[in-house]
PDB file of N, CA and C in Angstrom:
ATOM      1  N   MET A   1      70.124  31.246 -75.072  1.00  0.00           N
ATOM      2  CA  MET A   1      69.892  32.321 -74.783  1.00  0.00           C
ATOM      3  C   MET A   1      70.685  32.435 -73.201  1.00  0.00           C
ATOM      4  N   VAL A   2      71.255  33.872 -72.956  1.00  0.00           N
ATOM      5  CA  VAL A   2      71.995  34.377 -71.699  1.00  0.00           C
ATOM      6  C   VAL A   2      71.394  35.226 -71.178  1.00  0.00           C
ATOM      7  N   LYS A   3      71.520  34.638 -69.813  1.00  0.00           N
ATOM      8  CA  LYS A   3      70.569  35.837 -68.538  1.00  0.00           C
ATOM      9  C   LYS A   3      71.591  36.415 -68.046  1.00  0.00           C
ATOM     10  N   GLU A   4      71.991  38.037 -68.279  1.00  0.00           N
ATOM     11  CA  GLU A   4      72.427  38.689 -67.712  1.00  0.00           C
ATOM     12  C   GLU A   4      72.740  38.597 -65.973  1.00  0.00           C
ATOM     13  N   GLY A   5      74.239  38.587 -65.592  1.00  0.00           N
ATOM     14  CA  GLY A   5      74.803  38.211 -64.427  1.00  0.00           C
ATOM     15  C   GLY A   5      74.293  36.908 -64.027  1.00  0.00           C
ATOM     16  N   SER A   6      73.725  36.138 -64.772  1.00  0.00           N
ATOM     17  CA  SER A   6      73.915  34.606 -64.145  1.00  0.00           C
ATOM     18  C   SER A   6      74.980  33.836 -64.609  1.00  0.00           C
ATOM     19  N   ASP A   7      75.719  32.886 -63.640  1.00  0.00           N
ATOM     20  CA  ASP A   7      76.788  32.101 -64.235  1.00  0.00           C
ATOM     21  C   ASP A   7      76.350  30.686 -64.387  1.00  0.00           C
ATOM     22  N   VAL A   8      75.140  30.431 -64.222  1.00  0.00           N
ATOM     23  CA  VAL A   8      74.281  28.827 -64.822  1.00  0.00           C
ATOM     24  C   VAL A   8      74.326  28.878 -66.130  1.00  0.00           C
ATOM     25  N   HIS A   9      74.965  27.584 -66.617  1.00  0.00           N
ATOM     26  CA  HIS A   9      75.065  27.220 -67.953  1.00  0.00           C
ATOM     27  C   HIS A   9      74.323  25.979 -68.029  1.00  0.00           C
ATOM     28  N   LEU A  10      73.593  25.893 -68.761  1.00  0.00           N
ATOM     29  CA  LEU A  10      72.438  24.385 -68.724  1.00  0.00           C
ATOM     30  C   LEU A  10      72.694  24.067 -70.462  1.00  0.00           C
ATOM     31  N   SER A  11      72.532  22.639 -70.729  1.00  0.00           N
ATOM     32  CA  SER A  11      72.614  21.752 -71.497  1.00  0.00           C
ATOM     33  C   SER A  11      71.278  20.933 -71.500  1.00  0.00           C
ATOM     34  N   ILE A  12      70.646  21.640 -73.088  1.00  0.00           N
ATOM     35  CA  ILE A  12      69.223  21.030 -73.498  1.00  0.00           C
ATOM     36  C   ILE A  12      69.559  19.785 -74.078  1.00  0.00           C
ATOM     37  N   PRO A  13      68.791  18.422 -73.770  1.00  0.00           N
ATOM     38  CA  PRO A  13      69.094  17.330 -74.250  1.00  0.00           C
ATOM     39  C   PRO A  13      68.224  17.141 -75.638  1.00  0.00           C
ATOM     40  N   VAL A  14      68.975  17.123 -77.087  1.00  0.00           N
ATOM     41  CA  VAL A  14      68.519  16.813 -78.113  1.00  0.00           C
ATOM     42  C   VAL A  14      67.975  15.557 -78.542  1.00  0.00           C
ATOM     43  N   HIS A  15      67.415  15.007 -78.823  1.00  0.00           N
ATOM     44  CA  HIS A  15      67.290  13.571 -79.421  1.00  0.00           C
ATOM     45  C   HIS A  15      66.447  13.525 -80.729  1.00  0.00           C
ATOM     46  N   LYS A  16      66.554  13.038 -81.639  1.00  0.00           N
ATOM     47  CA  LYS A  16      65.803  13.112 -82.927  1.00  0.00           C
ATOM     48  C   LYS A  16      64.443  11.768 -82.914  1.00  0.00           C
ATOM     49  N   GLY A  17      63.787  12.696 -83.288  1.00  0.00           N
ATOM     50  CA  GLY A  17      62.333  12.230 -83.141  1.00  0.00           C
ATOM     51  C   GLY A  17      61.598  12.219 -81.348  1.00  0.00           C
ATOM     52  N   LYS A  18      62.101  12.873 -80.590  1.00  0.00           N
ATOM     53  CA  LYS A  18      61.911  12.833 -78.978  1.00  0.00           C
ATOM     54  C   LYS A  18      61.701  14.419 -78.990  1.00  0.00           C
ATOM     55  N   ASP A  19      60.532  14.751 -77.986  1.00  0.00           N
ATOM     56  CA  ASP A  19      60.198  15.876 -77.575  1.00  0.00           C
ATOM     57  C   ASP A  19      61.168  15.586 -76.183  1.00  0.00           C
ATOM     58  N   LEU A  20      60.856  16.994 -75.894  1.00  0.00           N
ATOM     59  CA  LEU A  20      61.272  17.270 -74.611  1.00  0.00           C
ATOM     60  C   LEU A  20      60.257  17.230 -73.340  1.00  0.00           C
ATOM     61  N   GLY A  21      60.636  16.214 -72.518  1.00  0.00           N
ATOM     62  CA  GLY A  21      59.353  16.188 -71.159  1.00  0.00           C
ATOM     63  C   GLY A  21      58.844  17.548 -70.820  1.00  0.00           C
ATOM     64  N   ILE A  22      57.713  17.563 -70.295  1.00  0.00           N
ATOM     65  CA  ILE A  22      57.523  18.453 -69.071  1.00  0.00           C
ATOM     66  C   ILE A  22      58.062  18.657 -68.226  1.00  0.00           C
ATOM     67  N   GLY A  23      58.058  17.915 -67.392  1.00  0.00           N
ATOM     68  CA  GLY A  23      58.504  17.942 -66.222  1.00  0.00           C
ATOM     69  C   GLY A  23      60.270  18.220 -66.657  1.00  0.00           C
ATOM     70  N   LEU A  24      61.134  17.371 -67.199  1.00  0.00           N
ATOM     71  CA  LEU A  24      62.036  18.073 -67.324  1.00  0.00           C
ATOM     72  C   LEU A  24      62.469  19.574 -67.934  1.00  0.00           C
ATOM     73  N   LEU A  25      61.547  19.978 -68.707  1.00  0.00           N
ATOM     74  CA  LEU A  25      62.032  21.585 -69.086  1.00  0.00           C
ATOM     75  C   LEU A  25      61.065  22.557 -67.888  1.00  0.00           C
ATOM     76  N   LYS A  26      60.187  21.987 -67.391  1.00  0.00           N
ATOM     77  CA  LYS A  26      60.368  23.051 -66.004  1.00  0.00           C
ATOM     78  C   LYS A  26      60.961  22.984 -65.304  1.00  0.00           C
ATOM     79  N   LYS A  27      62.019  21.760 -64.710  1.00  0.00           N
ATOM     80  CA  LYS A  27      63.616  21.670 -64.232  1.00  0.00           C
ATOM     81  C   LYS A  27      64.240  22.478 -64.672  1.00  0.00           C
ATOM     82  N   LEU A  28      63.971  22.435 -65.823  1.00  0.00           N
ATOM     83  CA  LEU A  28      65.344  23.472 -66.633  1.00  0.00           C
ATOM     84  C   LEU A  28      64.918  24.888 -66.548  1.00  0.00           C
ATOM     85  N   ILE A  29      63.924  25.475 -66.843  1.00  0.00           N
ATOM     86  CA  ILE A  29      63.428  26.763 -66.552  1.00  0.00           C
ATOM     87  C   ILE A  29      63.960  27.345 -65.171  1.00  0.00           C
ATOM     88  N   ALA A  30      63.402  26.477 -64.257  1.00  0.00           N
ATOM     89  CA  ALA A  30      63.618  26.638 -63.139  1.00  0.00           C
ATOM     90  C   ALA A  30      64.994  27.144 -62.430  1.00  0.00           C
ATOM     91  N   LYS A  31      65.900  26.193 -62.603  1.00  0.00           N
ATOM     92  CA  LYS A  31      67.627  25.785 -62.937  1.00  0.00           C
ATOM     93  C   LYS A  31      68.028  27.178 -63.466  1.00  0.00           C
ATOM     94  N   ALA A  32      67.372  27.918 -64.680  1.00  0.00           N
ATOM     95  CA  ALA A  32      67.676  28.993 -65.350  1.00  0.00           C
ATOM     96  C   ALA A  32      67.495  30.237 -64.850  1.00  0.00           C
ATOM     97  N   GLU A  33      66.680  30.023 -63.839  1.00  0.00           N
ATOM     98  CA  GLU A  33      66.213  30.880 -62.509  1.00  0.00           C
ATOM     99  C   GLU A  33      65.072  31.896 -63.718  1.00  0.00           C
ATOM    100  N   LEU A  34      64.564  31.289 -64.210  1.00  0.00           N
ATOM    101  CA  LEU A  34      63.206  32.227 -65.037  1.00  0.00           C
ATOM    102  C   LEU A  34      62.207  31.750 -64.536  1.00  0.00           C
ATOM    103  N   ASP A  35      61.298  32.076 -65.182  1.00  0.00           N
ATOM    104  CA  ASP A  35      59.343  31.990 -64.269  1.00  0.00           C
ATOM    105  C   ASP A  35      59.171  31.302 -65.749  1.00  0.00           C
ATOM    106  N   LYS A  36      58.131  31.049 -65.938  1.00  0.00           N
ATOM    107  CA  LYS A  36      57.231  30.285 -67.122  1.00  0.00           C
ATOM    108  C   LYS A  36      57.095  31.290 -68.436  1.00  0.00           C
ATOM    109  N   ASP A  37      56.653  32.599 -67.750  1.00  0.00           N
ATOM    110  CA  ASP A  37      56.434  33.493 -68.445  1.00  0.00           C
ATOM    111  C   ASP A  37      57.586  34.392 -69.247  1.00  0.00           C
ATOM    112  N   GLU A  38      59.032  34.427 -68.553  1.00  0.00           N
ATOM    113  CA  GLU A  38      59.860  34.862 -68.984  1.00  0.00           C
ATOM    114  C   GLU A  38      60.489  33.960 -69.978  1.00  0.00           C
ATOM    115  N   TYR A  39      60.312  32.438 -69.755  1.00  0.00           N
ATOM    116  CA  TYR A  39      60.923  31.759 -71.121  1.00  0.00           C
ATOM    117  C   TYR A  39      60.101  31.784 -72.125  1.00  0.00           C
ATOM    118  N   ILE A  40      58.627  31.787 -71.973  1.00  0.00           N
ATOM    119  CA  ILE A  40      57.960  31.890 -72.781  1.00  0.00           C
ATOM    120  C   ILE A  40      58.206  33.042 -73.964  1.00  0.00           C
ATOM    121  N   ASN A  41      58.527  34.042 -73.222  1.00  0.00           N
ATOM    122  CA  ASN A  41      58.775  35.166 -73.906  1.00  0.00           C
ATOM    123  C   ASN A  41      60.312  35.408 -74.725  1.00  0.00           C
ATOM    124  N   ASN A  42      61.044  34.294 -74.123  1.00  0.00           N
ATOM    125  CA  ASN A  42      62.774  34.668 -74.726  1.00  0.00           C
ATOM    126  C   ASN A  42      62.212  33.427 -75.602  1.00  0.00           C
ATOM    127  N   PHE A  43      61.590  32.257 -75.732  1.00  0.00           N
ATOM    128  CA  PHE A  43      61.308  31.466 -76.527  1.00  0.00           C
ATOM    129  C   PHE A  43      60.783  31.855 -77.920  1.00  0.00           C
ATOM    130  N   TYR A  44      59.638  33.097 -77.896  1.00  0.00           N
ATOM    131  CA  TYR A  44      59.046  33.421 -78.882  1.00  0.00           C
ATOM    132  C   TYR A  44      59.501  34.659 -79.757  1.00  0.00           C
ATOM    133  N   SER A  45      60.349  34.815 -78.874  1.00  0.00           N
ATOM    134  CA  SER A  45      61.209  36.126 -79.619  1.00  0.00           C
ATOM    135  C   SER A  45      62.743  35.726 -80.425  1.00  0.00           C
ATOM    136  N   LYS A  46      62.830  34.656 -80.544  1.00  0.00           N
ATOM    137  CA  LYS A  46      64.140  34.234 -81.238  1.00  0.00           C
ATOM    138  C   LYS A  46      63.358  33.952 -82.765  1.00  0.00           C
TER     139      LYS A  46
END
């Protein structure tokens, strides 16, 4: 996912058989300068 005009680069940890924790997901969304609705719209549009 790319956000126009942003220089932020995020790495999302993926481990076999483990879900991403809700706290970490919220922190990554905030670091990406997205709000919850922007993230959800981008997630489901792929």
